[in-house]
Amino acid sequence: MLPLKEEKDGVSFKVRVQPRASKNQLAGLFEDALRVRLTAPPVDGEANEACRAFLADLLSVGRGQVEILSGLTGRNKVVKIKGVSISEVQKRLP
């Protein structure tokens, strides 16, 4: 199960991004992070924006509610979903 951390204005968790995949999809867990495959290349922030858009769609929130807290230049990221609770995130993740 994905470890989720309650923040004062949302929920944060770790994400492991695999850029240049054949399609955008969840790929299970990698250690303690949600593994996400994205078609976007890891240049000029394209993979970060694709990650934000994918998670926003997956969790039924606006793109502005998804913030990358750390890992802007690497595969391992910590993201925060603003305005949701842990139980909401758990319900929306497959």
N, C-alpha and C. Protein backbone atom coordinates (compact mmCIF):
# COMPACT_ATOMS: atom_id res chain seq x y z
N MET A 1 0.84 -1.18 0.00
CA MET A 1 0.00 0.00 0.00
C MET A 1 0.89 1.25 0.00
N LEU A 2 0.46 2.24 -0.73
CA LEU A 2 1.21 3.48 -0.88
C LEU A 2 1.16 4.30 0.41
N PRO A 3 2.33 4.66 0.97
CA PRO A 3 2.33 5.51 2.17
C PRO A 3 1.91 6.95 1.81
N LEU A 4 0.87 7.43 2.46
CA LEU A 4 0.38 8.78 2.24
C LEU A 4 0.65 9.61 3.48
N LYS A 5 0.97 10.89 3.28
CA LYS A 5 1.26 11.78 4.41
C LYS A 5 0.25 12.92 4.41
N GLU A 6 -0.42 13.09 5.53
CA GLU A 6 -1.40 14.18 5.67
C GLU A 6 -0.66 15.50 5.84
N GLU A 7 -0.97 16.46 5.01
CA GLU A 7 -0.42 17.81 5.10
C GLU A 7 -1.55 18.72 5.58
N LYS A 8 -1.21 19.96 5.95
CA LYS A 8 -2.26 20.85 6.47
C LYS A 8 -3.27 21.24 5.39
N ASP A 9 -2.86 21.21 4.12
CA ASP A 9 -3.79 21.59 3.05
C ASP A 9 -3.90 20.53 1.96
N GLY A 10 -3.57 19.27 2.30
CA GLY A 10 -3.68 18.21 1.31
C GLY A 10 -2.96 16.95 1.73
N VAL A 11 -2.55 16.17 0.74
CA VAL A 11 -1.90 14.88 0.96
C VAL A 11 -0.66 14.80 0.07
N SER A 12 0.44 14.28 0.60
CA SER A 12 1.65 14.10 -0.21
C SER A 12 2.03 12.63 -0.25
N PHE A 13 2.72 12.26 -1.33
CA PHE A 13 3.22 10.91 -1.49
C PHE A 13 4.35 10.91 -2.52
N LYS A 14 5.09 9.79 -2.56
CA LYS A 14 6.21 9.67 -3.48
C LYS A 14 5.75 9.08 -4.80
N VAL A 15 6.40 9.54 -5.87
CA VAL A 15 6.11 9.06 -7.22
C VAL A 15 7.44 8.72 -7.89
N ARG A 16 7.48 7.62 -8.61
CA ARG A 16 8.63 7.24 -9.43
C ARG A 16 8.17 7.32 -10.88
N VAL A 17 8.78 8.22 -11.66
CA VAL A 17 8.36 8.48 -13.04
C VAL A 17 9.27 7.75 -14.02
N GLN A 18 8.65 7.11 -15.00
CA GLN A 18 9.40 6.52 -16.12
C GLN A 18 8.99 7.28 -17.38
N PRO A 19 9.83 8.20 -17.84
CA PRO A 19 9.51 8.96 -19.05
C PRO A 19 9.69 8.12 -20.32
N ARG A 20 9.17 8.64 -21.41
CA ARG A 20 9.27 8.01 -22.74
C ARG A 20 8.69 6.60 -22.78
N ALA A 21 7.62 6.37 -22.05
CA ALA A 21 6.94 5.07 -22.09
C ALA A 21 6.02 5.03 -23.31
N SER A 22 5.47 3.87 -23.60
CA SER A 22 4.60 3.74 -24.76
C SER A 22 3.23 4.39 -24.53
N LYS A 23 2.80 4.46 -23.26
CA LYS A 23 1.55 5.16 -22.95
C LYS A 23 1.57 5.62 -21.49
N ASN A 24 0.70 6.57 -21.17
CA ASN A 24 0.58 7.06 -19.80
C ASN A 24 -0.22 6.03 -19.01
N GLN A 25 0.37 5.55 -17.91
CA GLN A 25 -0.32 4.56 -17.09
C GLN A 25 0.34 4.41 -15.73
N LEU A 26 -0.44 3.86 -14.79
CA LEU A 26 0.12 3.45 -13.51
C LEU A 26 0.81 2.11 -13.70
N ALA A 27 1.89 1.91 -12.98
CA ALA A 27 2.63 0.65 -13.10
C ALA A 27 2.89 0.03 -11.74
N GLY A 28 1.98 0.25 -10.80
CA GLY A 28 2.12 -0.34 -9.48
C GLY A 28 2.99 0.48 -8.56
N LEU A 29 3.61 -0.21 -7.61
CA LEU A 29 4.47 0.45 -6.63
C LEU A 29 5.93 0.12 -6.90
N PHE A 30 6.80 1.08 -6.61
CA PHE A 30 8.25 0.89 -6.67
C PHE A 30 8.76 1.29 -5.30
N GLU A 31 9.18 0.31 -4.52
CA GLU A 31 9.55 0.52 -3.13
C GLU A 31 8.38 1.20 -2.42
N ASP A 32 8.52 2.45 -1.99
CA ASP A 32 7.42 3.13 -1.29
C ASP A 32 6.83 4.25 -2.14
N ALA A 33 6.94 4.13 -3.47
CA ALA A 33 6.46 5.19 -4.38
C ALA A 33 5.49 4.61 -5.41
N LEU A 34 4.60 5.46 -5.87
CA LEU A 34 3.68 5.11 -6.94
C LEU A 34 4.45 5.21 -8.25
N ARG A 35 4.49 4.13 -9.03
CA ARG A 35 5.22 4.14 -10.30
C ARG A 35 4.27 4.59 -11.41
N VAL A 36 4.71 5.62 -12.14
CA VAL A 36 3.92 6.20 -13.22
C VAL A 36 4.74 6.19 -14.50
N ARG A 37 4.17 5.63 -15.55
CA ARG A 37 4.82 5.66 -16.87
C ARG A 37 4.19 6.77 -17.69
N LEU A 38 5.04 7.60 -18.31
CA LEU A 38 4.58 8.75 -19.07
C LEU A 38 5.22 8.76 -20.46
N THR A 39 4.47 9.21 -21.45
CA THR A 39 5.00 9.27 -22.81
C THR A 39 5.93 10.46 -23.01
N ALA A 40 5.83 11.46 -22.17
CA ALA A 40 6.62 12.69 -22.31
C ALA A 40 8.11 12.43 -22.07
N PRO A 41 8.97 13.15 -22.81
CA PRO A 41 10.41 13.03 -22.58
C PRO A 41 10.83 13.85 -21.35
N PRO A 42 11.97 13.50 -20.75
CA PRO A 42 12.41 14.21 -19.54
C PRO A 42 13.22 15.47 -19.86
N VAL A 43 12.71 16.31 -20.73
CA VAL A 43 13.40 17.56 -21.10
C VAL A 43 12.46 18.74 -20.94
N ASP A 44 13.03 19.88 -20.57
CA ASP A 44 12.29 21.14 -20.45
C ASP A 44 11.03 21.03 -19.58
N GLY A 45 11.06 20.16 -18.59
CA GLY A 45 9.92 20.05 -17.68
C GLY A 45 8.71 19.35 -18.26
N GLU A 46 8.82 18.75 -19.44
CA GLU A 46 7.67 18.09 -20.06
C GLU A 46 7.16 16.92 -19.24
N ALA A 47 8.06 16.11 -18.71
CA ALA A 47 7.64 14.96 -17.91
C ALA A 47 6.98 15.42 -16.61
N ASN A 48 7.46 16.51 -16.02
CA ASN A 48 6.84 17.04 -14.80
C ASN A 48 5.41 17.50 -15.07
N GLU A 49 5.21 18.21 -16.17
CA GLU A 49 3.85 18.68 -16.52
C GLU A 49 2.94 17.50 -16.86
N ALA A 50 3.49 16.51 -17.55
CA ALA A 50 2.70 15.32 -17.87
C ALA A 50 2.33 14.57 -16.59
N CYS A 51 3.25 14.53 -15.63
CA CYS A 51 2.99 13.89 -14.35
C CYS A 51 1.87 14.61 -13.61
N ARG A 52 1.94 15.92 -13.56
CA ARG A 52 0.88 16.71 -12.90
C ARG A 52 -0.48 16.47 -13.56
N ALA A 53 -0.51 16.50 -14.89
CA ALA A 53 -1.77 16.30 -15.62
C ALA A 53 -2.32 14.89 -15.40
N PHE A 54 -1.44 13.89 -15.44
CA PHE A 54 -1.86 12.50 -15.26
C PHE A 54 -2.45 12.29 -13.86
N LEU A 55 -1.75 12.78 -12.83
CA LEU A 55 -2.24 12.61 -11.46
C LEU A 55 -3.52 13.39 -11.22
N ALA A 56 -3.63 14.58 -11.81
CA ALA A 56 -4.86 15.37 -11.67
C ALA A 56 -6.04 14.61 -12.26
N ASP A 57 -5.85 14.03 -13.43
CA ASP A 57 -6.92 13.26 -14.07
C ASP A 57 -7.25 12.01 -13.27
N LEU A 58 -6.23 11.30 -12.82
CA LEU A 58 -6.41 10.08 -12.05
C LEU A 58 -7.19 10.33 -10.75
N LEU A 59 -6.88 11.45 -10.09
CA LEU A 59 -7.48 11.74 -8.79
C LEU A 59 -8.68 12.68 -8.88
N SER A 60 -9.09 13.03 -10.09
CA SER A 60 -10.26 13.89 -10.32
C SER A 60 -10.13 15.24 -9.61
N VAL A 61 -8.98 15.86 -9.77
CA VAL A 61 -8.75 17.21 -9.23
C VAL A 61 -8.22 18.08 -10.35
N GLY A 62 -8.17 19.38 -10.12
CA GLY A 62 -7.61 20.29 -11.10
C GLY A 62 -6.09 20.19 -11.14
N ARG A 63 -5.53 20.50 -12.30
CA ARG A 63 -4.07 20.42 -12.45
C ARG A 63 -3.36 21.34 -11.45
N GLY A 64 -3.97 22.47 -11.12
CA GLY A 64 -3.39 23.41 -10.17
C GLY A 64 -3.32 22.87 -8.75
N GLN A 65 -4.06 21.80 -8.46
CA GLN A 65 -4.04 21.20 -7.13
C GLN A 65 -2.89 20.21 -6.97
N VAL A 66 -2.19 19.90 -8.05
CA VAL A 66 -1.08 18.95 -8.00
C VAL A 66 0.22 19.73 -8.04
N GLU A 67 1.01 19.59 -6.99
CA GLU A 67 2.27 20.32 -6.87
C GLU A 67 3.41 19.32 -6.67
N ILE A 68 4.49 19.52 -7.40
CA ILE A 68 5.68 18.69 -7.21
C ILE A 68 6.56 19.39 -6.18
N LEU A 69 6.68 18.77 -5.00
CA LEU A 69 7.42 19.37 -3.91
C LEU A 69 8.92 19.18 -4.06
N SER A 70 9.33 18.03 -4.55
CA SER A 70 10.76 17.77 -4.75
C SER A 70 10.95 16.80 -5.90
N GLY A 71 12.16 16.79 -6.46
CA GLY A 71 12.48 15.87 -7.53
C GLY A 71 12.19 16.40 -8.92
N LEU A 72 12.25 17.72 -9.11
CA LEU A 72 11.94 18.30 -10.42
C LEU A 72 12.87 17.82 -11.53
N THR A 73 14.10 17.43 -11.18
CA THR A 73 15.05 17.02 -12.22
C THR A 73 15.36 15.53 -12.17
N GLY A 74 14.65 14.77 -11.38
CA GLY A 74 14.91 13.33 -11.27
C GLY A 74 13.65 12.51 -11.45
N ARG A 75 13.82 11.21 -11.40
CA ARG A 75 12.68 10.29 -11.54
C ARG A 75 11.87 10.19 -10.25
N ASN A 76 12.54 10.34 -9.11
CA ASN A 76 11.88 10.22 -7.82
C ASN A 76 11.36 11.59 -7.40
N LYS A 77 10.06 11.66 -7.16
CA LYS A 77 9.42 12.93 -6.84
C LYS A 77 8.55 12.77 -5.60
N VAL A 78 8.29 13.89 -4.95
CA VAL A 78 7.28 13.94 -3.91
C VAL A 78 6.24 14.94 -4.41
N VAL A 79 5.00 14.49 -4.49
CA VAL A 79 3.93 15.35 -4.97
C VAL A 79 2.92 15.59 -3.86
N LYS A 80 2.28 16.74 -3.94
CA LYS A 80 1.22 17.08 -2.98
C LYS A 80 -0.05 17.35 -3.76
N ILE A 81 -1.14 16.76 -3.31
CA ILE A 81 -2.45 17.00 -3.89
C ILE A 81 -3.19 17.88 -2.89
N LYS A 82 -3.46 19.10 -3.30
CA LYS A 82 -4.08 20.07 -2.40
C LYS A 82 -5.60 19.88 -2.35
N GLY A 83 -6.16 20.12 -1.18
CA GLY A 83 -7.61 20.13 -1.02
C GLY A 83 -8.27 18.77 -0.96
N VAL A 84 -7.50 17.72 -0.68
CA VAL A 84 -8.09 16.38 -0.55
C VAL A 84 -7.60 15.74 0.74
N SER A 85 -8.31 14.71 1.17
CA SER A 85 -7.91 13.97 2.38
C SER A 85 -7.28 12.64 1.98
N ILE A 86 -6.67 11.99 2.94
CA ILE A 86 -6.07 10.69 2.68
C ILE A 86 -7.12 9.70 2.19
N SER A 87 -8.29 9.69 2.82
CA SER A 87 -9.32 8.74 2.42
C SER A 87 -9.78 8.99 0.98
N GLU A 88 -9.85 10.24 0.55
CA GLU A 88 -10.23 10.53 -0.84
C GLU A 88 -9.20 10.00 -1.82
N VAL A 89 -7.92 10.20 -1.49
CA VAL A 89 -6.86 9.71 -2.37
C VAL A 89 -6.88 8.19 -2.43
N GLN A 90 -7.07 7.53 -1.29
CA GLN A 90 -7.11 6.06 -1.26
C GLN A 90 -8.27 5.52 -2.10
N LYS A 91 -9.41 6.19 -2.07
CA LYS A 91 -10.57 5.76 -2.86
C LYS A 91 -10.32 5.89 -4.36
N ARG A 92 -9.60 6.94 -4.74
CA ARG A 92 -9.41 7.25 -6.16
C ARG A 92 -8.25 6.50 -6.80
N LEU A 93 -7.31 6.03 -5.99
CA LEU A 93 -6.20 5.25 -6.55
C LEU A 93 -6.65 3.80 -6.71
N PRO A 94 -6.32 3.21 -7.86
CA PRO A 94 -6.73 1.80 -8.08
C PRO A 94 -5.97 0.84 -7.19
